[in-house]
Amino acid sequence: MKKTVSIKENRTFRRIYSKGRSAVTPFLVLYCRPNGRDHNRLGVTVSTRLGGAVVRNRARRRLREVYRLAQPRMKQGYDIILVARGRTVNGPCQKLTAAFDKACGQLGLMKEDQK
């Protein structure tokens, strides 16, 4: 199993926020921007307003897992940022996955044969 490549630098996050495209769902906000590489990179953001460290870490784990499961169906060569919202932590996993797929579909991140 391949490890997910992470985005860690603040300037990269800011560039994607300002110049990338976004899709909003009740569970998450997805930002994306082409990165000119042959693989995707993932950044996950969770606000302190969502809760304490345990709650924020759970939200991060859930978002990373949804991304990991969808990775084979996605186009490559994008920087992707997932921003957790209130329903990310306690919402059903099926709805979180559906919200992620919907956001990816809006931004054209899914492979054509996977729609």
PDB file of N, CA and C in Angstrom:
ATOM      1  N   MET A   1       0.847  -1.179   0.000  1.00  0.00           N
ATOM      2  CA  MET A   1       0.000   0.000   0.000  1.00  0.00           C
ATOM      3  C   MET A   1       0.890   1.239   0.000  1.00  0.00           C
ATOM      4  N   LYS A   2       0.624   2.175  -0.920  1.00  0.00           N
ATOM      5  CA  LYS A   2       1.417   3.389  -1.001  1.00  0.00           C
ATOM      6  C   LYS A   2       1.022   4.360   0.103  1.00  0.00           C
ATOM      7  N   LYS A   3       2.005   5.095   0.587  1.00  0.00           N
ATOM      8  CA  LYS A   3       1.751   6.104   1.599  1.00  0.00           C
ATOM      9  C   LYS A   3       1.278   7.394   0.917  1.00  0.00           C
ATOM     10  N   THR A   4       0.356   8.084   1.540  1.00  0.00           N
ATOM     11  CA  THR A   4      -0.158   9.342   1.006  1.00  0.00           C
ATOM     12  C   THR A   4       0.896  10.431   1.185  1.00  0.00           C
ATOM     13  N   VAL A   5       1.135  11.199   0.142  1.00  0.00           N
ATOM     14  CA  VAL A   5       2.077  12.305   0.213  1.00  0.00           C
ATOM     15  C   VAL A   5       1.337  13.505   0.803  1.00  0.00           C
ATOM     16  N   SER A   6       1.928  14.102   1.850  1.00  0.00           N
ATOM     17  CA  SER A   6       1.266  15.177   2.575  1.00  0.00           C
ATOM     18  C   SER A   6       1.766  16.548   2.151  1.00  0.00           C
ATOM     19  N   ILE A   7       0.890  17.527   2.302  1.00  0.00           N
ATOM     20  CA  ILE A   7       1.261  18.934   2.149  1.00  0.00           C
ATOM     21  C   ILE A   7       1.489  19.458   3.553  1.00  0.00           C
ATOM     22  N   LYS A   8       2.645  20.060   3.805  1.00  0.00           N
ATOM     23  CA  LYS A   8       2.961  20.518   5.144  1.00  0.00           C
ATOM     24  C   LYS A   8       3.285  22.008   5.233  1.00  0.00           C
ATOM     25  N   GLU A   9       3.681  22.614   4.132  1.00  0.00           N
ATOM     26  CA  GLU A   9       4.134  24.004   4.176  1.00  0.00           C
ATOM     27  C   GLU A   9       2.960  24.979   4.104  1.00  0.00           C
ATOM     28  N   ASN A  10       3.019  25.993   4.948  1.00  0.00           N
ATOM     29  CA  ASN A  10       1.959  26.984   5.031  1.00  0.00           C
ATOM     30  C   ASN A  10       1.795  27.728   3.704  1.00  0.00           C
ATOM     31  N   ARG A  11       2.895  28.029   3.027  1.00  0.00           N
ATOM     32  CA  ARG A  11       2.791  28.766   1.757  1.00  0.00           C
ATOM     33  C   ARG A  11       2.065  27.949   0.695  1.00  0.00           C
ATOM     34  N   THR A  12       2.223  26.628   0.728  1.00  0.00           N
ATOM     35  CA  THR A  12       1.515  25.767  -0.221  1.00  0.00           C
ATOM     36  C   THR A  12       0.019  25.783   0.069  1.00  0.00           C
ATOM     37  N   PHE A  13      -0.347  25.708   1.357  1.00  0.00           N
ATOM     38  CA  PHE A  13      -1.756  25.794   1.740  1.00  0.00           C
ATOM     39  C   PHE A  13      -2.344  27.123   1.264  1.00  0.00           C
ATOM     40  N   ARG A  14      -1.644  28.218   1.519  1.00  0.00           N
ATOM     41  CA  ARG A  14      -2.153  29.532   1.128  1.00  0.00           C
ATOM     42  C   ARG A  14      -2.326  29.657  -0.375  1.00  0.00           C
ATOM     43  N   ARG A  15      -1.386  29.094  -1.159  1.00  0.00           N
ATOM     44  CA  ARG A  15      -1.479  29.152  -2.612  1.00  0.00           C
ATOM     45  C   ARG A  15      -2.698  28.384  -3.100  1.00  0.00           C
ATOM     46  N   ILE A  16      -2.952  27.225  -2.514  1.00  0.00           N
ATOM     47  CA  ILE A  16      -4.101  26.424  -2.939  1.00  0.00           C
ATOM     48  C   ILE A  16      -5.405  27.116  -2.556  1.00  0.00           C
ATOM     49  N   TYR A  17      -5.444  27.706  -1.351  1.00  0.00           N
ATOM     50  CA  TYR A  17      -6.645  28.436  -0.941  1.00  0.00           C
ATOM     51  C   TYR A  17      -6.927  29.598  -1.889  1.00  0.00           C
ATOM     52  N   SER A  18      -5.900  30.335  -2.280  1.00  0.00           N
ATOM     53  CA  SER A  18      -6.136  31.549  -3.066  1.00  0.00           C
ATOM     54  C   SER A  18      -6.319  31.265  -4.557  1.00  0.00           C
ATOM     55  N   LYS A  19      -5.565  30.316  -5.125  1.00  0.00           N
ATOM     56  CA  LYS A  19      -5.603  30.110  -6.570  1.00  0.00           C
ATOM     57  C   LYS A  19      -6.302  28.828  -6.990  1.00  0.00           C
ATOM     58  N   GLY A  20      -6.678  27.995  -6.037  1.00  0.00           N
ATOM     59  CA  GLY A  20      -7.325  26.732  -6.374  1.00  0.00           C
ATOM     60  C   GLY A  20      -8.829  26.869  -6.500  1.00  0.00           C
ATOM     61  N   ARG A  21      -9.455  25.762  -6.869  1.00  0.00           N
ATOM     62  CA  ARG A  21     -10.912  25.714  -6.950  1.00  0.00           C
ATOM     63  C   ARG A  21     -11.428  25.001  -5.715  1.00  0.00           C
ATOM     64  N   SER A  22     -12.699  25.233  -5.375  1.00  0.00           N
ATOM     65  CA  SER A  22     -13.245  24.629  -4.161  1.00  0.00           C
ATOM     66  C   SER A  22     -14.646  24.092  -4.387  1.00  0.00           C
ATOM     67  N   ALA A  23     -15.003  23.125  -3.543  1.00  0.00           N
ATOM     68  CA  ALA A  23     -16.358  22.576  -3.517  1.00  0.00           C
ATOM     69  C   ALA A  23     -16.750  22.421  -2.056  1.00  0.00           C
ATOM     70  N   VAL A  24     -17.978  22.804  -1.733  1.00  0.00           N
ATOM     71  CA  VAL A  24     -18.441  22.811  -0.347  1.00  0.00           C
ATOM     72  C   VAL A  24     -19.561  21.795  -0.177  1.00  0.00           C
ATOM     73  N   THR A  25     -19.474  20.988   0.875  1.00  0.00           N
ATOM     74  CA  THR A  25     -20.538  20.069   1.275  1.00  0.00           C
ATOM     75  C   THR A  25     -20.773  20.276   2.765  1.00  0.00           C
ATOM     76  N   PRO A  26     -21.857  19.726   3.324  1.00  0.00           N
ATOM     77  CA  PRO A  26     -22.078  19.871   4.764  1.00  0.00           C
ATOM     78  C   PRO A  26     -21.010  19.176   5.618  1.00  0.00           C
ATOM     79  N   PHE A  27     -20.277  18.225   5.042  1.00  0.00           N
ATOM     80  CA  PHE A  27     -19.294  17.472   5.806  1.00  0.00           C
ATOM     81  C   PHE A  27     -17.872  18.000   5.663  1.00  0.00           C
ATOM     82  N   LEU A  28     -17.561  18.622   4.514  1.00  0.00           N
ATOM     83  CA  LEU A  28     -16.190  19.059   4.277  1.00  0.00           C
ATOM     84  C   LEU A  28     -16.142  20.107   3.191  1.00  0.00           C
ATOM     85  N   VAL A  29     -15.012  20.792   3.123  1.00  0.00           N
ATOM     86  CA  VAL A  29     -14.719  21.700   2.015  1.00  0.00           C
ATOM     87  C   VAL A  29     -13.474  21.150   1.340  1.00  0.00           C
ATOM     88  N   LEU A  30     -13.504  21.042   0.020  1.00  0.00           N
ATOM     89  CA  LEU A  30     -12.390  20.481  -0.725  1.00  0.00           C
ATOM     90  C   LEU A  30     -11.814  21.564  -1.636  1.00  0.00           C
ATOM     91  N   TYR A  31     -10.520  21.809  -1.514  1.00  0.00           N
ATOM     92  CA  TYR A  31      -9.799  22.723  -2.394  1.00  0.00           C
ATOM     93  C   TYR A  31      -8.846  21.890  -3.231  1.00  0.00           C
ATOM     94  N   CYS A  32      -8.678  22.244  -4.513  1.00  0.00           N
ATOM     95  CA  CYS A  32      -7.729  21.513  -5.343  1.00  0.00           C
ATOM     96  C   CYS A  32      -7.060  22.461  -6.322  1.00  0.00           C
ATOM     97  N   ARG A  33      -5.862  22.054  -6.744  1.00  0.00           N
ATOM     98  CA  ARG A  33      -5.084  22.812  -7.710  1.00  0.00           C
ATOM     99  C   ARG A  33      -4.108  21.856  -8.374  1.00  0.00           C
ATOM    100  N   PRO A  34      -3.923  21.923  -9.684  1.00  0.00           N
ATOM    101  CA  PRO A  34      -2.939  21.049 -10.336  1.00  0.00           C
ATOM    102  C   PRO A  34      -1.542  21.318  -9.788  1.00  0.00           C
ATOM    103  N   ASN A  35      -0.750  20.244  -9.618  1.00  0.00           N
ATOM    104  CA  ASN A  35       0.583  20.420  -9.048  1.00  0.00           C
ATOM    105  C   ASN A  35       1.708  20.075 -10.018  1.00  0.00           C
ATOM    106  N   GLY A  36       1.384  19.598 -11.225  1.00  0.00           N
ATOM    107  CA  GLY A  36       2.418  19.306 -12.203  1.00  0.00           C
ATOM    108  C   GLY A  36       3.250  18.077 -11.892  1.00  0.00           C
ATOM    109  N   ARG A  37       2.774  17.223 -11.017  1.00  0.00           N
ATOM    110  CA  ARG A  37       3.481  15.995 -10.668  1.00  0.00           C
ATOM    111  C   ARG A  37       2.647  14.801 -11.103  1.00  0.00           C
ATOM    112  N   ASP A  38       3.189  13.616 -10.915  1.00  0.00           N
ATOM    113  CA  ASP A  38       2.457  12.420 -11.324  1.00  0.00           C
ATOM    114  C   ASP A  38       1.699  11.777 -10.174  1.00  0.00           C
ATOM    115  N   HIS A  39       1.574  12.496  -9.060  1.00  0.00           N
ATOM    116  CA  HIS A  39       0.836  11.974  -7.910  1.00  0.00           C
ATOM    117  C   HIS A  39       0.094  13.119  -7.222  1.00  0.00           C
ATOM    118  N   ASN A  40      -0.891  12.747  -6.420  1.00  0.00           N
ATOM    119  CA  ASN A  40      -1.635  13.726  -5.637  1.00  0.00           C
ATOM    120  C   ASN A  40      -0.950  13.953  -4.304  1.00  0.00           C
ATOM    121  N   ARG A  41      -1.154  15.156  -3.766  1.00  0.00           N
ATOM    122  CA  ARG A  41      -0.700  15.453  -2.411  1.00  0.00           C
ATOM    123  C   ARG A  41      -1.918  15.886  -1.600  1.00  0.00           C
ATOM    124  N   LEU A  42      -1.943  15.509  -0.335  1.00  0.00           N
ATOM    125  CA  LEU A  42      -3.108  15.775   0.520  1.00  0.00           C
ATOM    126  C   LEU A  42      -2.722  16.635   1.706  1.00  0.00           C
ATOM    127  N   GLY A  43      -3.566  17.614   1.988  1.00  0.00           N
ATOM    128  CA  GLY A  43      -3.463  18.411   3.212  1.00  0.00           C
ATOM    129  C   GLY A  43      -4.807  18.367   3.909  1.00  0.00           C
ATOM    130  N   VAL A  44      -4.786  18.234   5.231  1.00  0.00           N
ATOM    131  CA  VAL A  44      -6.025  18.177   6.007  1.00  0.00           C
ATOM    132  C   VAL A  44      -5.981  19.288   7.038  1.00  0.00           C
ATOM    133  N   THR A  45      -7.066  20.060   7.130  1.00  0.00           N
ATOM    134  CA  THR A  45      -7.159  21.163   8.068  1.00  0.00           C
ATOM    135  C   THR A  45      -8.391  20.975   8.948  1.00  0.00           C
ATOM    136  N   VAL A  46      -8.185  21.116  10.256  1.00  0.00           N
ATOM    137  CA  VAL A  46      -9.291  21.032  11.205  1.00  0.00           C
ATOM    138  C   VAL A  46      -9.157  22.200  12.175  1.00  0.00           C
ATOM    139  N   SER A  47     -10.175  23.007  12.282  1.00  0.00           N
ATOM    140  CA  SER A  47     -10.155  24.176  13.145  1.00  0.00           C
ATOM    141  C   SER A  47     -10.295  23.789  14.614  1.00  0.00           C
ATOM    142  N   THR A  48      -9.735  24.616  15.487  1.00  0.00           N
ATOM    143  CA  THR A  48      -9.884  24.372  16.926  1.00  0.00           C
ATOM    144  C   THR A  48     -11.327  24.589  17.378  1.00  0.00           C
ATOM    145  N   ARG A  49     -12.121  25.279  16.572  1.00  0.00           N
ATOM    146  CA  ARG A  49     -13.531  25.462  16.919  1.00  0.00           C
ATOM    147  C   ARG A  49     -14.299  24.145  16.900  1.00  0.00           C
ATOM    148  N   LEU A  50     -13.760  23.152  16.208  1.00  0.00           N
ATOM    149  CA  LEU A  50     -14.439  21.868  16.092  1.00  0.00           C
ATOM    150  C   LEU A  50     -14.440  21.107  17.409  1.00  0.00           C
ATOM    151  N   GLY A  51     -13.415  21.308  18.223  1.00  0.00           N
ATOM    152  CA  GLY A  51     -13.340  20.617  19.503  1.00  0.00           C
ATOM    153  C   GLY A  51     -11.912  20.483  19.981  1.00  0.00           C
ATOM    154  N   GLY A  52     -11.738  19.638  20.984  1.00  0.00           N
ATOM    155  CA  GLY A  52     -10.412  19.411  21.544  1.00  0.00           C
ATOM    156  C   GLY A  52      -9.552  18.559  20.630  1.00  0.00           C
ATOM    157  N   ALA A  53      -8.369  18.222  21.111  1.00  0.00           N
ATOM    158  CA  ALA A  53      -7.405  17.488  20.297  1.00  0.00           C
ATOM    159  C   ALA A  53      -7.930  16.122  19.869  1.00  0.00           C
ATOM    160  N   VAL A  54      -8.650  15.441  20.744  1.00  0.00           N
ATOM    161  CA  VAL A  54      -9.164  14.116  20.417  1.00  0.00           C
ATOM    162  C   VAL A  54     -10.166  14.207  19.262  1.00  0.00           C
ATOM    163  N   VAL A  55     -11.037  15.187  19.328  1.00  0.00           N
ATOM    164  CA  VAL A  55     -12.058  15.374  18.289  1.00  0.00           C
ATOM    165  C   VAL A  55     -11.397  15.765  16.968  1.00  0.00           C
ATOM    166  N   ARG A  56     -10.439  16.679  17.018  1.00  0.00           N
ATOM    167  CA  ARG A  56      -9.760  17.112  15.793  1.00  0.00           C
ATOM    168  C   ARG A  56      -8.986  15.971  15.154  1.00  0.00           C
ATOM    169  N   ASN A  57      -8.315  15.171  15.958  1.00  0.00           N
ATOM    170  CA  ASN A  57      -7.572  14.037  15.409  1.00  0.00           C
ATOM    171  C   ASN A  57      -8.506  12.997  14.795  1.00  0.00           C
ATOM    172  N   ARG A  58      -9.672  12.788  15.401  1.00  0.00           N
ATOM    173  CA  ARG A  58     -10.648  11.857  14.829  1.00  0.00           C
ATOM    174  C   ARG A  58     -11.110  12.366  13.470  1.00  0.00           C
ATOM    175  N   ALA A  59     -11.370  13.671  13.368  1.00  0.00           N
ATOM    176  CA  ALA A  59     -11.789  14.250  12.089  1.00  0.00           C
ATOM    177  C   ALA A  59     -10.696  14.063  11.035  1.00  0.00           C
ATOM    178  N   ARG A  60      -9.433  14.292  11.413  1.00  0.00           N
ATOM    179  CA  ARG A  60      -8.323  14.088  10.477  1.00  0.00           C
ATOM    180  C   ARG A  60      -8.243  12.642  10.014  1.00  0.00           C
ATOM    181  N   ARG A  61      -8.358  11.710  10.926  1.00  0.00           N
ATOM    182  CA  ARG A  61      -8.291  10.284  10.575  1.00  0.00           C
ATOM    183  C   ARG A  61      -9.404   9.897   9.622  1.00  0.00           C
ATOM    184  N   ARG A  62     -10.603  10.397   9.881  1.00  0.00           N
ATOM    185  CA  ARG A  62     -11.739  10.060   9.015  1.00  0.00           C
ATOM    186  C   ARG A  62     -11.541  10.626   7.615  1.00  0.00           C
ATOM    187  N   LEU A  63     -11.082  11.866   7.511  1.00  0.00           N
ATOM    188  CA  LEU A  63     -10.873  12.466   6.198  1.00  0.00           C
ATOM    189  C   LEU A  63      -9.753  11.756   5.436  1.00  0.00           C
ATOM    190  N   ARG A  64      -8.663  11.417   6.116  1.00  0.00           N
ATOM    191  CA  ARG A  64      -7.577  10.693   5.450  1.00  0.00           C
ATOM    192  C   ARG A  64      -8.034   9.328   4.957  1.00  0.00           C
ATOM    193  N   GLU A  65      -8.887   8.655   5.725  1.00  0.00           N
ATOM    194  CA  GLU A  65      -9.375   7.335   5.324  1.00  0.00           C
ATOM    195  C   GLU A  65     -10.295   7.440   4.109  1.00  0.00           C
ATOM    196  N   VAL A  66     -11.167   8.426   4.089  1.00  0.00           N
ATOM    197  CA  VAL A  66     -12.049   8.624   2.929  1.00  0.00           C
ATOM    198  C   VAL A  66     -11.203   8.893   1.689  1.00  0.00           C
ATOM    199  N   TYR A  67     -10.174   9.715   1.839  1.00  0.00           N
ATOM    200  CA  TYR A  67      -9.281  10.000   0.721  1.00  0.00           C
ATOM    201  C   TYR A  67      -8.540   8.736   0.283  1.00  0.00           C
ATOM    202  N   ARG A  68      -8.035   7.962   1.226  1.00  0.00           N
ATOM    203  CA  ARG A  68      -7.277   6.748   0.908  1.00  0.00           C
ATOM    204  C   ARG A  68      -8.116   5.766   0.104  1.00  0.00           C
ATOM    205  N   LEU A  69      -9.379   5.602   0.494  1.00  0.00           N
ATOM    206  CA  LEU A  69     -10.256   4.671  -0.205  1.00  0.00           C
ATOM    207  C   LEU A  69     -10.617   5.168  -1.615  1.00  0.00           C
ATOM    208  N   ALA A  70     -10.664   6.484  -1.795  1.00  0.00           N
ATOM    209  CA  ALA A  70     -11.040   7.043  -3.098  1.00  0.00           C
ATOM    210  C   ALA A  70      -9.840   7.233  -4.016  1.00  0.00           C
ATOM    211  N   GLN A  71      -8.636   7.152  -3.513  1.00  0.00           N
ATOM    212  CA  GLN A  71      -7.427   7.433  -4.281  1.00  0.00           C
ATOM    213  C   GLN A  71      -7.332   6.669  -5.605  1.00  0.00           C
ATOM    214  N   PRO A  72      -7.633   5.362  -5.660  1.00  0.00           N
ATOM    215  CA  PRO A  72      -7.514   4.663  -6.954  1.00  0.00           C
ATOM    216  C   PRO A  72      -8.476   5.170  -8.028  1.00  0.00           C
ATOM    217  N   ARG A  73      -9.567   5.807  -7.628  1.00  0.00           N
ATOM    218  CA  ARG A  73     -10.563   6.300  -8.588  1.00  0.00           C
ATOM    219  C   ARG A  73     -10.306   7.736  -9.024  1.00  0.00           C
ATOM    220  N   MET A  74      -9.276   8.369  -8.464  1.00  0.00           N
ATOM    221  CA  MET A  74      -9.037   9.786  -8.710  1.00  0.00           C
ATOM    222  C   MET A  74      -7.965  10.008  -9.775  1.00  0.00           C
ATOM    223  N   LYS A  75      -8.093  11.138 -10.475  1.00  0.00           N
ATOM    224  CA  LYS A  75      -7.041  11.573 -11.385  1.00  0.00           C
ATOM    225  C   LYS A  75      -5.818  11.951 -10.558  1.00  0.00           C
ATOM    226  N   GLN A  76      -4.649  11.842 -11.162  1.00  0.00           N
ATOM    227  CA  GLN A  76      -3.409  12.168 -10.471  1.00  0.00           C
ATOM    228  C   GLN A  76      -2.899  13.537 -10.911  1.00  0.00           C
ATOM    229  N   GLY A  77      -2.053  14.138 -10.075  1.00  0.00           N
ATOM    230  CA  GLY A  77      -1.440  15.415 -10.421  1.00  0.00           C
ATOM    231  C   GLY A  77      -2.111  16.620  -9.789  1.00  0.00           C
ATOM    232  N   TYR A  78      -2.713  16.444  -8.612  1.00  0.00           N
ATOM    233  CA  TYR A  78      -3.401  17.545  -7.941  1.00  0.00           C
ATOM    234  C   TYR A  78      -2.938  17.680  -6.499  1.00  0.00           C
ATOM    235  N   ASP A  79      -2.948  18.915  -6.008  1.00  0.00           N
ATOM    236  CA  ASP A  79      -2.825  19.178  -4.576  1.00  0.00           C
ATOM    237  C   ASP A  79      -4.244  19.319  -4.056  1.00  0.00           C
ATOM    238  N   ILE A  80      -4.559  18.582  -2.995  1.00  0.00           N
ATOM    239  CA  ILE A  80      -5.915  18.553  -2.459  1.00  0.00           C
ATOM    240  C   ILE A  80      -5.863  18.913  -0.984  1.00  0.00           C
ATOM    241  N   ILE A  81      -6.726  19.828  -0.581  1.00  0.00           N
ATOM    242  CA  ILE A  81      -6.864  20.174   0.837  1.00  0.00           C
ATOM    243  C   ILE A  81      -8.287  19.856   1.252  1.00  0.00           C
ATOM    244  N   LEU A  82      -8.422  19.124   2.344  1.00  0.00           N
ATOM    245  CA  LEU A  82      -9.721  18.821   2.925  1.00  0.00           C
ATOM    246  C   LEU A  82      -9.856  19.606   4.219  1.00  0.00           C
ATOM    247  N   VAL A  83     -10.930  20.367   4.339  1.00  0.00           N
ATOM    248  CA  VAL A  83     -11.205  21.145   5.545  1.00  0.00           C
ATOM    249  C   VAL A  83     -12.410  20.522   6.224  1.00  0.00           C
ATOM    250  N   ALA A  84     -12.231  20.119   7.466  1.00  0.00           N
ATOM    251  CA  ALA A  84     -13.301  19.461   8.211  1.00  0.00           C
ATOM    252  C   ALA A  84     -14.349  20.475   8.634  1.00  0.00           C
ATOM    253  N   ARG A  85     -15.596  20.029   8.643  1.00  0.00           N
ATOM    254  CA  ARG A  85     -16.699  20.830   9.159  1.00  0.00           C
ATOM    255  C   ARG A  85     -17.333  20.070  10.316  1.00  0.00           C
ATOM    256  N   GLY A  86     -18.337  20.633  10.932  1.00  0.00           N
ATOM    257  CA  GLY A  86     -18.923  20.059  12.139  1.00  0.00           C
ATOM    258  C   GLY A  86     -19.406  18.631  12.012  1.00  0.00           C
ATOM    259  N   ARG A  87     -19.977  18.265  10.889  1.00  0.00           N
ATOM    260  CA  ARG A  87     -20.534  16.919  10.729  1.00  0.00           C
ATOM    261  C   ARG A  87     -19.463  15.862  10.431  1.00  0.00           C
ATOM    262  N   THR A  88     -18.252  16.285  10.165  1.00  0.00           N
ATOM    263  CA  THR A  88     -17.192  15.336   9.819  1.00  0.00           C
ATOM    264  C   THR A  88     -16.952  14.335  10.935  1.00  0.00           C
ATOM    265  N   VAL A  89     -17.015  14.777  12.167  1.00  0.00           N
ATOM    266  CA  VAL A  89     -16.645  13.926  13.306  1.00  0.00           C
ATOM    267  C   VAL A  89     -17.701  12.867  13.590  1.00  0.00           C
ATOM    268  N   ASN A  90     -18.964  13.249  13.648  1.00  0.00           N
ATOM    269  CA  ASN A  90     -20.006  12.331  14.101  1.00  0.00           C
ATOM    270  C   ASN A  90     -20.923  11.814  13.001  1.00  0.00           C
ATOM    271  N   GLY A  91     -20.774  12.313  11.785  1.00  0.00           N
ATOM    272  CA  GLY A  91     -21.651  11.883  10.704  1.00  0.00           C
ATOM    273  C   GLY A  91     -21.368  10.457  10.273  1.00  0.00           C
ATOM    274  N   PRO A  92     -22.347   9.805   9.665  1.00  0.00           N
ATOM    275  CA  PRO A  92     -22.134   8.437   9.175  1.00  0.00           C
ATOM    276  C   PRO A  92     -21.049   8.401   8.102  1.00  0.00           C
ATOM    277  N   CYS A  93     -20.276   7.348   8.113  1.00  0.00           N
ATOM    278  CA  CYS A  93     -19.152   7.215   7.184  1.00  0.00           C
ATOM    279  C   CYS A  93     -19.634   7.186   5.726  1.00  0.00           C
ATOM    280  N   GLN A  94     -20.790   6.565   5.473  1.00  0.00           N
ATOM    281  CA  GLN A  94     -21.300   6.503   4.107  1.00  0.00           C
ATOM    282  C   GLN A  94     -21.610   7.901   3.575  1.00  0.00           C
ATOM    283  N   LYS A  95     -22.180   8.753   4.429  1.00  0.00           N
ATOM    284  CA  LYS A  95     -22.511  10.109   3.997  1.00  0.00           C
ATOM    285  C   LYS A  95     -21.249  10.945   3.807  1.00  0.00           C
ATOM    286  N   LEU A  96     -20.250  10.723   4.645  1.00  0.00           N
ATOM    287  CA  LEU A  96     -18.975  11.430   4.494  1.00  0.00           C
ATOM    288  C   LEU A  96     -18.314  11.042   3.171  1.00  0.00           C
ATOM    289  N   THR A  97     -18.334   9.755   2.861  1.00  0.00           N
ATOM    290  CA  THR A  97     -17.777   9.275   1.600  1.00  0.00           C
ATOM    291  C   THR A  97     -18.551   9.835   0.418  1.00  0.00           C
ATOM    292  N   ALA A  98     -19.875   9.853   0.516  1.00  0.00           N
ATOM    293  CA  ALA A  98     -20.704  10.402  -0.564  1.00  0.00           C
ATOM    294  C   ALA A  98     -20.426  11.894  -0.758  1.00  0.00           C
ATOM    295  N   ALA A  99     -20.233  12.632   0.339  1.00  0.00           N
ATOM    296  CA  ALA A  99     -19.941  14.057   0.245  1.00  0.00           C
ATOM    297  C   ALA A  99     -18.588  14.281  -0.425  1.00  0.00           C
ATOM    298  N   PHE A 100     -17.603  13.455  -0.080  1.00  0.00           N
ATOM    299  CA  PHE A 100     -16.284  13.567  -0.700  1.00  0.00           C
ATOM    300  C   PHE A 100     -16.370  13.276  -2.198  1.00  0.00           C
ATOM    301  N   ASP A 101     -17.092  12.212  -2.559  1.00  0.00           N
ATOM    302  CA  ASP A 101     -17.245  11.862  -3.974  1.00  0.00           C
ATOM    303  C   ASP A 101     -17.967  12.965  -4.740  1.00  0.00           C
ATOM    304  N   LYS A 102     -18.967  13.563  -4.132  1.00  0.00           N
ATOM    305  CA  LYS A 102     -19.716  14.655  -4.773  1.00  0.00           C
ATOM    306  C   LYS A 102     -18.803  15.852  -5.020  1.00  0.00           C
ATOM    307  N   ALA A 103     -18.004  16.207  -4.007  1.00  0.00           N
ATOM    308  CA  ALA A 103     -17.090  17.343  -4.148  1.00  0.00           C
ATOM    309  C   ALA A 103     -16.045  17.064  -5.227  1.00  0.00           C
ATOM    310  N   CYS A 104     -15.518  15.854  -5.249  1.00  0.00           N
ATOM    311  CA  CYS A 104     -14.535  15.491  -6.289  1.00  0.00           C
ATOM    312  C   CYS A 104     -15.173  15.533  -7.667  1.00  0.00           C
ATOM    313  N   GLY A 105     -16.420  15.085  -7.768  1.00  0.00           N
ATOM    314  CA  GLY A 105     -17.120  15.128  -9.041  1.00  0.00           C
ATOM    315  C   GLY A 105     -17.336  16.546  -9.533  1.00  0.00           C
ATOM    316  N   GLN A 106     -17.648  17.461  -8.615  1.00  0.00           N
ATOM    317  CA  GLN A 106     -17.857  18.857  -8.996  1.00  0.00           C
ATOM    318  C   GLN A 106     -16.577  19.481  -9.540  1.00  0.00           C
ATOM    319  N   LEU A 107     -15.432  19.059  -8.996  1.00  0.00           N
ATOM    320  CA  LEU A 107     -14.160  19.638  -9.410  1.00  0.00           C
ATOM    321  C   LEU A 107     -13.469  18.845 -10.515  1.00  0.00           C
ATOM    322  N   GLY A 108     -14.086  17.741 -10.933  1.00  0.00           N
ATOM    323  CA  GLY A 108     -13.507  16.946 -12.010  1.00  0.00           C
ATOM    324  C   GLY A 108     -12.284  16.151 -11.595  1.00  0.00           C
ATOM    325  N   LEU A 109     -12.235  15.707 -10.350  1.00  0.00           N
ATOM    326  CA  LEU A 109     -11.079  14.956  -9.857  1.00  0.00           C
ATOM    327  C   LEU A 109     -11.203  13.450 -10.057  1.00  0.00           C
ATOM    328  N   MET A 110     -12.395  12.973 -10.377  1.00  0.00           N
ATOM    329  CA  MET A 110     -12.576  11.538 -10.570  1.00  0.00           C
ATOM    330  C   MET A 110     -12.262  11.149 -12.008  1.00  0.00           C
ATOM    331  N   LYS A 111     -11.749   9.958 -12.206  1.00  0.00           N
ATOM    332  CA  LYS A 111     -11.488   9.464 -13.546  1.00  0.00           C
ATOM    333  C   LYS A 111     -12.820   9.324 -14.272  1.00  0.00           C
ATOM    334  N   GLU A 112     -12.802   9.492 -15.566  1.00  0.00           N
ATOM    335  CA  GLU A 112     -14.032   9.522 -16.353  1.00  0.00           C
ATOM    336  C   GLU A 112     -14.835   8.229 -16.261  1.00  0.00           C
ATOM    337  N   ASP A 113     -14.160   7.078 -16.216  1.00  0.00           N
ATOM    338  CA  ASP A 113     -14.885   5.821 -16.162  1.00  0.00           C
ATOM    339  C   ASP A 113     -15.415   5.498 -14.766  1.00  0.00           C
ATOM    340  N   GLN A 114     -15.109   6.330 -13.762  1.00  0.00           N
ATOM    341  CA  GLN A 114     -15.516   6.068 -12.388  1.00  0.00           C
ATOM    342  C   GLN A 114     -16.715   6.898 -11.951  1.00  0.00           C
ATOM    343  N   LYS A 115     -17.232   7.757 -12.798  1.00  0.00           N
ATOM    344  CA  LYS A 115     -18.340   8.633 -12.395  1.00  0.00           C
ATOM    345  C   LYS A 115     -19.620   7.899 -12.201  1.00  0.00           C
TER     346      LYS A 115
END
